[in-house]
Amino acid sequence: MNRRTFITSAALGSAAVSGLMPSHAADAASSFVVNLSANVPFYCQEDLVKTCGAACARMTRNGYPNPADRLLFTEAQVWPLIQSHNSTAAQDTAWLWYTDPHGLQGCLQHELNNPSGVNWVEFANTNKEELMFSVLYWMNLRRFPTPVLTQRGLHWVLIVGYETDVEPILNSTPMVELIHFLDPKAAPCPNSPLASPLIMETGSIWLWANANSPDPTQIYWGAPVGYSGTWKDQYVAIIEPPTIRGKVRVKSVNRTGSVPLSPDKAVERARQAIKERRLGDRKQYSLLSQPNVDTLPAMLVREGTADGSAKDVPYYYIVPFARPGEKKGGRSVARVCVLVNAFTGEFEGAIAFGGPVRYLSKAEALNVVASKLRTDPKDLKDASAILVFQPSEITNVRALPFWRVAVKGRTFFVDQNGKLYDRLSLGRPGN
């Protein structure tokens, strides 16, 4: 099948972490920028449980640099092609991967009518800084989007752009300032072809790992694939074309602390980030440049579900922005969100939703649980309800956390659509 997997023995250890260097806030005017988002159409995954890989394959194939080479495939066409290339090794099939790296690489390389000269390669590397360098280097040189496996093997997303302090060329060590990507779970199906929920996260967040966290799942590339088998303890990307050696750096950040900022302070820091980073100058975030944009209340989110005090657990704020007067169900709806560190106020990322998003209130979440328990919501006055983000079957998007409600010795989870879950399941890998 002419499949190649590039693996290095360099493990990410304390030396790599201690070598992370600080930087100042990114300035778009002085950064090196690769932006392929205008070439790549957004496709949601039509089955929220299992088809993130198929959606990424569709976006990739219809986002080639030469418009004449772009082809549109349906999810129904792509899904069985991926399955035909998934690993048949017993150590992998035991986990029932929906889309494994062999499957996505094989589909892109062999099944989707590539023009001459296109070569999709599976990159697996124990060192995430080296793999990220390969992603950036080849995206700059070849201008193809890049599917990457995130959240310890749970979920595929598509990188469509980035910003670094210097151009990623041979013998350089670029500082990753921003990663731009499309997440097929970030908008519901069916979606408008013009509604593309572009997400940006700082390089520090993309590669950030909480060494003290007992949670089994880290965001993005915080930790390598956690499932035993071919890709255990490795980071994975499907890149066009072959490997190159190099490393990237990211800013060292502290995402834990004792006392979070106030919601008002979080809004202030979000507005500061919008101004400093000129987010409103970017097409997808142009709402932020409008003088009458509505700022909705900031929402404090706990990252991970494991027990622990604030000094051990990351928190961040979601600061939503809305069109004036736009409401759904009596509540304002968000079009763009800015994410900031809950303790330092540093910019962590942003998302431009493909459409209006109505956030579920605490009272509404409690009403959902009360209905489940067949009790009056007033009886839940002692219940604990907090917003939580944990990559899982419920959500893979940091801007779409769920409510964790603890009451009478039981714990429930309620997503932003008001759907209740009795338990939190990571689900099968590649979902």
Protein backbone atom coordinates (compact mmCIF):
# COMPACT_ATOMS: atom_id res chain seq x y z
CA MET A 1 0.00 0.00 0.00
CA ASN A 2 3.10 2.23 -0.08
CA ARG A 3 2.36 3.47 3.45
CA ARG A 4 5.22 5.02 5.42
CA THR A 5 5.28 5.85 9.10
CA PHE A 6 8.09 8.06 10.37
CA ILE A 7 8.91 7.46 14.03
CA THR A 8 11.73 8.96 16.06
CA SER A 9 13.00 7.69 19.35
CA ALA A 10 13.32 11.17 20.87
CA ALA A 11 10.96 11.28 23.81
CA LEU A 12 9.46 14.47 25.20
CA GLY A 13 11.05 14.93 28.62
CA SER A 14 12.00 17.52 31.17
CA ALA A 15 14.73 18.93 28.96
CA ALA A 16 12.24 19.75 26.21
CA VAL A 17 9.83 21.34 28.65
CA SER A 18 12.49 23.40 30.38
CA GLY A 19 13.67 24.61 27.00
CA LEU A 20 10.37 26.35 26.22
CA MET A 21 11.12 30.03 25.89
CA PRO A 22 8.94 33.01 26.81
CA SER A 23 7.72 35.44 24.17
CA HIS A 24 5.72 38.61 23.99
CA ALA A 25 2.13 38.78 22.73
CA ALA A 26 1.85 37.90 19.06
CA ASP A 27 1.76 40.83 16.67
CA ALA A 28 0.16 39.83 13.38
CA ALA A 29 2.18 42.50 11.56
CA SER A 30 5.52 40.95 12.59
CA SER A 31 4.50 37.27 12.62
CA PHE A 32 5.03 34.81 9.80
CA VAL A 33 1.54 33.74 8.72
CA VAL A 34 0.23 30.81 6.68
CA ASN A 35 -3.53 31.01 6.16
CA LEU A 36 -5.22 28.38 3.99
CA SER A 37 -8.71 28.85 5.43
CA ALA A 38 -10.03 30.54 2.27
CA ASN A 39 -9.19 27.38 0.28
CA VAL A 40 -10.77 24.85 2.63
CA PRO A 41 -14.55 24.44 2.92
CA PHE A 42 -15.92 23.42 6.30
CA TYR A 43 -17.86 20.16 6.54
CA CYS A 44 -19.42 19.05 9.80
CA GLN A 45 -19.29 15.40 10.77
CA GLU A 46 -22.72 14.02 9.99
CA ASP A 47 -22.46 11.40 12.72
CA LEU A 48 -21.27 13.16 15.87
CA VAL A 49 -20.20 9.87 17.41
CA LYS A 50 -17.78 8.56 14.80
CA THR A 51 -17.09 10.46 11.56
CA CYS A 52 -14.59 13.21 12.43
CA GLY A 53 -11.98 11.47 10.25
CA ALA A 54 -14.31 11.34 7.25
CA ALA A 55 -15.17 15.03 7.63
CA CYS A 56 -11.47 15.94 7.79
CA ALA A 57 -10.79 13.85 4.67
CA ARG A 58 -13.58 15.67 2.81
CA MET A 59 -12.30 19.12 3.86
CA THR A 60 -8.73 18.16 2.96
CA ARG A 61 -9.56 16.77 -0.48
CA ASN A 62 -11.65 19.79 -1.43
CA GLY A 63 -9.03 22.20 -0.07
CA TYR A 64 -6.03 21.49 -2.30
CA PRO A 65 -3.92 24.54 -3.26
CA ASN A 66 -4.79 24.34 -6.96
CA PRO A 67 -8.55 24.98 -7.39
CA ALA A 68 -8.65 22.71 -10.45
CA ASP A 69 -7.47 19.79 -8.30
CA ARG A 70 -10.22 20.08 -5.67
CA LEU A 71 -12.88 17.39 -5.48
CA LEU A 72 -15.99 17.08 -3.37
CA PHE A 73 -16.82 13.68 -1.86
CA THR A 74 -19.75 12.86 0.38
CA GLU A 75 -19.30 11.44 3.84
CA ALA A 76 -21.10 8.29 2.69
CA GLN A 77 -18.42 7.84 0.02
CA VAL A 78 -15.44 8.53 2.25
CA TRP A 79 -16.41 6.60 5.39
CA PRO A 80 -16.16 3.04 3.94
CA LEU A 81 -12.90 3.93 2.18
CA ILE A 82 -11.34 4.86 5.51
CA GLN A 83 -12.60 1.62 7.06
CA SER A 84 -10.94 -0.37 4.28
CA HIS A 85 -7.55 1.06 5.24
CA ASN A 86 -7.85 0.98 9.05
CA SER A 87 -5.24 -1.15 10.75
CA THR A 88 -5.94 -4.88 10.89
CA ALA A 89 -3.37 -5.51 13.63
CA ALA A 90 -4.97 -7.17 16.64
CA GLN A 91 -3.46 -4.60 19.00
CA ASP A 92 -5.35 -1.85 17.11
CA THR A 93 -8.63 -3.57 16.22
CA ALA A 94 -9.15 -4.33 19.91
CA TRP A 95 -9.89 -0.61 20.43
CA LEU A 96 -12.45 -0.44 17.59
CA TRP A 97 -11.01 2.73 16.08
CA TYR A 98 -13.51 4.69 14.00
CA THR A 99 -10.73 6.33 11.97
CA ASP A 100 -7.16 5.36 12.75
CA PRO A 101 -4.09 6.99 11.15
CA HIS A 102 -3.64 4.15 8.64
CA GLY A 103 -7.26 4.55 7.59
CA LEU A 104 -7.13 8.31 7.01
CA GLN A 105 -3.75 8.23 5.28
CA GLY A 106 -4.76 5.33 3.07
CA CYS A 107 -8.00 6.98 2.06
CA LEU A 108 -6.36 10.32 1.21
CA GLN A 109 -3.46 8.72 -0.63
CA HIS A 110 -5.11 5.91 -2.56
CA GLU A 111 -8.86 6.44 -2.86
CA LEU A 112 -9.70 10.07 -3.68
CA ASN A 113 -8.37 10.53 -7.22
CA ASN A 114 -5.28 12.57 -6.41
CA PRO A 115 -3.51 14.53 -9.13
CA SER A 116 0.05 13.52 -9.95
CA GLY A 117 2.63 14.48 -7.37
CA VAL A 118 0.39 14.45 -4.28
CA ASN A 119 1.74 12.18 -1.56
CA TRP A 120 0.01 11.82 1.83
CA VAL A 121 2.25 10.37 4.55
CA GLU A 122 1.46 9.21 8.07
CA PHE A 123 3.77 10.91 10.56
CA ALA A 124 4.00 9.42 14.07
CA ASN A 125 6.50 10.90 16.49
CA THR A 126 7.09 10.69 20.24
CA ASN A 127 8.30 14.32 20.17
CA LYS A 128 5.48 16.78 19.56
CA GLU A 129 7.78 19.76 18.91
CA GLU A 130 9.46 17.84 16.08
CA LEU A 131 6.15 16.75 14.58
CA MET A 132 4.74 20.28 14.78
CA PHE A 133 7.79 21.55 12.91
CA SER A 134 7.07 19.06 10.12
CA VAL A 135 3.44 20.22 9.97
CA LEU A 136 4.42 23.90 9.73
CA TYR A 137 7.32 23.36 7.33
CA TRP A 138 5.33 21.41 4.76
CA MET A 139 2.19 23.55 5.03
CA ASN A 140 4.37 26.54 4.22
CA LEU A 141 6.08 24.79 1.32
CA ARG A 142 3.18 22.83 -0.19
CA ARG A 143 0.05 24.71 1.03
CA PHE A 144 -2.03 21.66 1.87
CA PRO A 145 -4.18 21.54 5.04
CA THR A 146 -3.10 18.94 7.60
CA PRO A 147 -5.28 16.43 9.50
CA VAL A 148 -3.99 15.81 13.03
CA LEU A 149 -5.06 13.38 15.74
CA THR A 150 -5.72 15.16 19.05
CA GLN A 151 -6.87 14.54 22.62
CA ARG A 152 -4.80 11.39 23.11
CA GLY A 153 -6.27 9.71 20.04
CA LEU A 154 -9.91 10.65 20.50
CA HIS A 155 -10.52 13.18 17.76
CA TRP A 156 -9.32 14.38 14.34
CA VAL A 157 -9.19 18.08 13.42
CA LEU A 158 -7.77 19.91 10.38
CA ILE A 159 -5.02 22.54 10.68
CA VAL A 160 -5.55 25.26 8.05
CA GLY A 161 -3.11 27.92 9.18
CA TYR A 162 -0.67 29.16 11.78
CA GLU A 163 1.39 32.12 12.97
CA THR A 164 5.04 31.89 14.08
CA ASP A 165 7.71 34.41 14.98
CA VAL A 166 9.91 33.34 12.03
CA GLU A 167 9.39 31.33 8.87
CA PRO A 168 9.71 27.57 9.54
CA ILE A 169 12.61 26.72 7.25
CA LEU A 170 15.50 24.30 7.63
CA ASN A 171 17.67 25.01 10.69
CA SER A 172 15.09 27.37 12.19
CA THR A 173 13.34 26.96 15.55
CA PRO A 174 10.09 28.93 15.18
CA MET A 175 7.99 30.00 18.14
CA VAL A 176 4.39 28.86 17.54
CA GLU A 177 2.09 31.77 18.32
CA LEU A 178 -1.25 30.59 16.92
CA ILE A 179 -2.71 27.45 15.34
CA HIS A 180 -5.79 27.87 13.13
CA PHE A 181 -7.93 24.78 12.62
CA LEU A 182 -11.33 23.41 11.68
CA ASP A 183 -13.11 21.02 14.03
CA PRO A 184 -15.90 19.00 12.38
CA LYS A 185 -17.76 18.93 15.71
CA ALA A 186 -17.72 22.72 16.12
CA ALA A 187 -20.97 23.23 14.21
CA PRO A 188 -24.09 21.10 13.85
CA CYS A 189 -25.17 19.46 10.62
CA PRO A 190 -26.48 20.51 8.22
CA ASN A 191 -24.28 23.57 7.94
CA SER A 192 -24.18 26.39 5.43
CA PRO A 193 -21.20 26.25 3.04
CA LEU A 194 -20.49 29.83 4.12
CA ALA A 195 -20.60 29.00 7.82
CA SER A 196 -17.08 27.97 8.73
CA PRO A 197 -16.34 27.81 12.47
CA LEU A 198 -12.65 28.70 12.41
CA ILE A 199 -10.87 28.11 15.72
CA MET A 200 -7.55 29.57 16.83
CA GLU A 201 -5.54 28.49 19.84
CA THR A 202 -2.15 29.72 20.99
CA GLY A 203 0.78 27.39 20.47
CA SER A 204 1.12 27.25 24.23
CA ILE A 205 -2.39 25.82 24.56
CA TRP A 206 -1.98 23.41 21.63
CA LEU A 207 1.13 21.81 23.15
CA TRP A 208 0.31 22.46 26.82
CA ALA A 209 0.37 19.52 29.21
CA ASN A 210 -0.71 19.48 32.83
CA ALA A 211 1.87 17.18 34.39
CA ASN A 212 -0.07 17.13 37.67
CA SER A 213 -3.44 16.29 36.15
CA PRO A 214 -4.84 12.82 36.83
CA ASP A 215 -7.28 13.23 33.94
CA PRO A 216 -6.80 10.59 31.23
CA THR A 217 -7.24 13.07 28.39
CA GLN A 218 -5.33 16.25 27.56
CA ILE A 219 -6.44 18.93 25.12
CA TYR A 220 -4.93 18.87 21.63
CA TRP A 221 -1.29 17.68 21.87
CA GLY A 222 -0.98 17.93 25.64
CA ALA A 223 -0.26 14.20 25.73
CA PRO A 224 0.39 11.49 23.11
CA VAL A 225 -2.00 8.76 22.00
CA GLY A 226 -3.08 6.88 25.10
CA TYR A 227 -4.44 3.72 23.45
CA SER A 228 -2.14 0.71 23.30
CA GLY A 229 -1.11 -0.45 19.86
CA THR A 230 0.67 1.03 16.86
CA TRP A 231 0.45 4.69 17.92
CA LYS A 232 0.83 4.35 21.71
CA ASP A 233 2.78 7.31 23.20
CA GLN A 234 3.06 9.07 19.84
CA TYR A 235 1.61 12.20 18.24
CA VAL A 236 0.14 11.78 14.77
CA ALA A 237 -0.42 13.95 11.68
CA ILE A 238 -1.16 13.12 8.04
CA ILE A 239 1.17 15.36 6.07
CA GLU A 240 1.87 16.09 2.43
CA PRO A 241 4.78 15.15 1.75
CA PRO A 242 7.85 13.39 3.42
CA THR A 243 9.58 14.01 6.73
CA ILE A 244 12.00 16.73 7.75
CA ARG A 245 13.79 17.19 11.05
CA GLY A 246 13.42 20.28 13.18
CA LYS A 247 11.68 21.61 16.30
CA VAL A 248 9.33 24.37 17.33
CA ARG A 249 9.09 26.31 20.59
CA VAL A 250 6.10 27.60 22.50
CA LYS A 251 5.67 30.13 25.26
CA SER A 252 5.73 28.67 28.75
CA VAL A 253 2.43 29.37 30.55
CA ASN A 254 0.91 28.78 33.97
CA ARG A 255 -2.74 27.76 33.77
CA THR A 256 -3.41 27.01 37.43
CA GLY A 257 -3.62 29.18 40.52
CA SER A 258 -5.50 29.86 43.75
CA VAL A 259 -8.06 32.55 42.91
CA PRO A 260 -9.47 33.09 39.39
CA LEU A 261 -9.94 36.57 37.96
CA SER A 262 -13.39 38.07 38.27
CA PRO A 263 -15.72 37.74 35.25
CA ASP A 264 -15.47 41.50 34.65
CA LYS A 265 -11.68 41.30 34.65
CA ALA A 266 -11.83 38.41 32.18
CA VAL A 267 -13.96 40.52 29.83
CA GLU A 268 -11.44 43.35 30.16
CA ARG A 269 -8.56 41.04 29.27
CA ALA A 270 -10.49 39.58 26.33
CA ARG A 271 -11.09 43.07 24.93
CA GLN A 272 -7.42 43.84 25.43
CA ALA A 273 -6.46 40.73 23.45
CA ILE A 274 -8.86 41.70 20.66
CA LYS A 275 -7.17 45.08 20.39
CA GLU A 276 -3.58 43.88 20.73
CA ARG A 277 -3.98 41.02 18.28
CA ARG A 278 -6.26 42.97 15.92
CA LEU A 279 -8.66 40.04 15.84
CA GLY A 280 -11.39 42.21 14.32
CA ASP A 281 -9.22 42.70 11.23
CA ARG A 282 -9.56 39.02 10.41
CA LYS A 283 -12.53 38.13 8.22
CA GLN A 284 -13.95 35.42 10.45
CA TYR A 285 -13.71 37.64 13.54
CA SER A 286 -14.84 40.92 11.96
CA LEU A 287 -17.78 41.15 14.38
CA LEU A 288 -15.26 42.09 17.06
CA SER A 289 -14.38 45.31 15.22
CA GLN A 290 -17.95 46.61 15.22
CA PRO A 291 -18.53 49.38 17.77
CA ASN A 292 -21.97 48.07 18.79
CA VAL A 293 -20.94 44.43 19.35
CA ASP A 294 -22.60 42.96 22.45
CA THR A 295 -20.37 41.42 25.11
CA LEU A 296 -22.09 38.59 26.97
CA PRO A 297 -21.19 37.53 30.53
CA ALA A 298 -17.89 35.68 30.89
CA MET A 299 -18.18 31.98 31.79
CA LEU A 300 -15.63 30.25 34.04
CA VAL A 301 -14.78 26.74 32.84
CA ARG A 302 -12.94 24.00 34.70
CA GLU A 303 -10.70 21.86 32.49
CA GLY A 304 -11.05 18.19 33.38
CA THR A 305 -13.32 16.29 35.71
CA ALA A 306 -10.83 14.92 38.22
CA ASP A 307 -11.00 16.07 41.83
CA GLY A 308 -8.54 18.72 42.88
CA SER A 309 -8.23 22.31 44.06
CA ALA A 310 -7.83 25.29 41.77
CA LYS A 311 -4.07 25.31 42.29
CA ASP A 312 -3.88 21.90 40.58
CA VAL A 313 -6.60 22.27 37.93
CA PRO A 314 -6.62 24.55 34.85
CA TYR A 315 -9.47 27.02 34.47
CA TYR A 316 -10.26 29.42 31.65
CA TYR A 317 -12.92 31.97 30.78
CA ILE A 318 -15.10 31.99 27.69
CA VAL A 319 -16.04 35.55 26.74
CA PRO A 320 -18.84 35.48 24.11
CA PHE A 321 -19.62 38.30 21.68
CA ALA A 322 -22.95 38.74 19.90
CA ARG A 323 -24.70 40.78 17.27
CA PRO A 324 -26.84 43.49 18.87
CA GLY A 325 -30.29 42.20 19.74
CA GLU A 326 -29.82 38.72 18.25
CA LYS A 327 -31.56 36.23 20.52
CA LYS A 328 -32.85 32.68 20.62
CA GLY A 329 -35.20 31.39 23.28
CA GLY A 330 -35.07 34.73 25.05
CA ARG A 331 -31.25 34.67 25.43
CA SER A 332 -28.55 36.40 23.43
CA VAL A 333 -26.58 34.13 21.13
CA ALA A 334 -22.84 34.15 20.59
CA ARG A 335 -21.15 34.47 17.20
CA VAL A 336 -17.54 34.73 18.38
CA CYS A 337 -15.84 33.72 21.63
CA VAL A 338 -12.47 34.68 23.07
CA LEU A 339 -10.82 32.35 25.59
CA VAL A 340 -8.52 33.72 28.29
CA ASN A 341 -6.50 32.18 31.11
CA ALA A 342 -8.63 32.37 34.28
CA PHE A 343 -5.67 33.30 36.50
CA THR A 344 -3.44 35.50 34.34
CA GLY A 345 -5.91 36.79 31.77
CA GLU A 346 -3.59 35.78 28.92
CA PHE A 347 -5.17 35.12 25.55
CA GLU A 348 -5.61 31.38 24.93
CA GLY A 349 -7.71 31.25 21.78
CA ALA A 350 -10.84 32.23 19.89
CA ILE A 351 -13.59 30.65 17.85
CA ALA A 352 -15.79 32.12 15.14
CA PHE A 353 -18.87 29.92 15.11
CA GLY A 354 -20.51 28.99 11.83
CA GLY A 355 -23.83 30.24 13.21
CA PRO A 356 -25.41 31.58 16.38
CA VAL A 357 -24.71 29.59 19.54
CA ARG A 358 -27.05 29.81 22.52
CA TYR A 359 -25.33 28.91 25.76
CA LEU A 360 -27.35 26.95 28.30
CA SER A 361 -27.75 28.75 31.61
CA LYS A 362 -27.11 27.14 35.00
CA ALA A 363 -30.84 27.31 35.77
CA GLU A 364 -31.66 25.55 32.52
CA ALA A 365 -29.13 22.81 33.26
CA LEU A 366 -30.67 22.30 36.69
CA ASN A 367 -34.11 22.11 35.09
CA VAL A 368 -32.88 19.30 32.83
CA VAL A 369 -31.61 17.36 35.84
CA ALA A 370 -34.80 18.07 37.81
CA SER A 371 -36.83 16.63 34.94
CA LYS A 372 -34.66 13.51 34.98
CA LEU A 373 -35.18 13.13 38.74
CA ARG A 374 -38.87 14.00 38.41
CA THR A 375 -38.60 16.70 41.03
CA ASP A 376 -39.19 20.42 41.29
CA PRO A 377 -36.11 22.49 40.34
CA LYS A 378 -36.52 24.28 43.68
CA ASP A 379 -35.56 20.99 45.35
CA LEU A 380 -32.10 21.27 43.76
CA LYS A 381 -31.09 24.41 45.63
CA ASP A 382 -28.17 22.53 47.21
CA ALA A 383 -26.95 21.09 43.90
CA SER A 384 -23.49 21.96 42.61
CA ALA A 385 -23.41 23.00 38.93
CA ILE A 386 -20.22 24.09 37.15
CA LEU A 387 -19.09 24.36 33.54
CA VAL A 388 -16.49 21.75 32.60
CA PHE A 389 -14.52 20.92 29.48
CA GLN A 390 -13.28 17.36 29.11
CA PRO A 391 -12.70 15.83 25.66
CA SER A 392 -15.34 13.12 25.45
CA GLU A 393 -18.38 11.93 23.54
CA ILE A 394 -20.17 15.06 24.79
CA THR A 395 -17.75 17.65 23.36
CA ASN A 396 -14.34 18.08 21.80
CA VAL A 397 -14.55 21.88 21.53
CA ARG A 398 -13.25 24.08 24.35
CA ALA A 399 -15.79 26.79 23.56
CA LEU A 400 -18.63 24.28 24.07
CA PRO A 401 -18.22 22.96 27.63
CA PHE A 402 -20.91 21.01 29.47
CA TRP A 403 -22.56 21.48 32.85
CA ARG A 404 -21.55 19.04 35.57
CA VAL A 405 -24.35 18.82 38.12
CA ALA A 406 -23.80 16.99 41.42
CA VAL A 407 -26.89 16.41 43.55
CA LYS A 408 -27.88 13.90 46.20
CA GLY A 409 -24.81 11.75 45.67
CA ARG A 410 -25.26 11.54 41.91
CA THR A 411 -23.51 13.36 39.07
CA PHE A 412 -25.06 14.33 35.74
CA PHE A 413 -23.68 16.03 32.66
CA VAL A 414 -25.72 18.39 30.46
CA ASP A 415 -24.46 19.63 27.08
CA GLN A 416 -25.19 23.01 25.51
CA ASN A 417 -28.18 21.56 23.67
CA GLY A 418 -29.76 20.48 26.94
CA LYS A 419 -29.07 16.76 26.45
CA LEU A 420 -28.44 14.87 29.70
CA TYR A 421 -25.80 12.18 30.22
CA ASP A 422 -25.66 9.85 33.22
CA ARG A 423 -21.96 9.20 32.72
CA LEU A 424 -18.97 10.72 30.98
CA SER A 425 -17.56 8.44 28.30
CA LEU A 426 -14.42 9.09 26.29
CA GLY A 427 -15.78 6.96 23.48
CA ARG A 428 -13.85 5.00 20.91
CA PRO A 429 -10.67 6.53 19.42
CA GLY A 430 -10.79 8.51 16.21
CA ASN A 431 -14.29 9.79 16.86
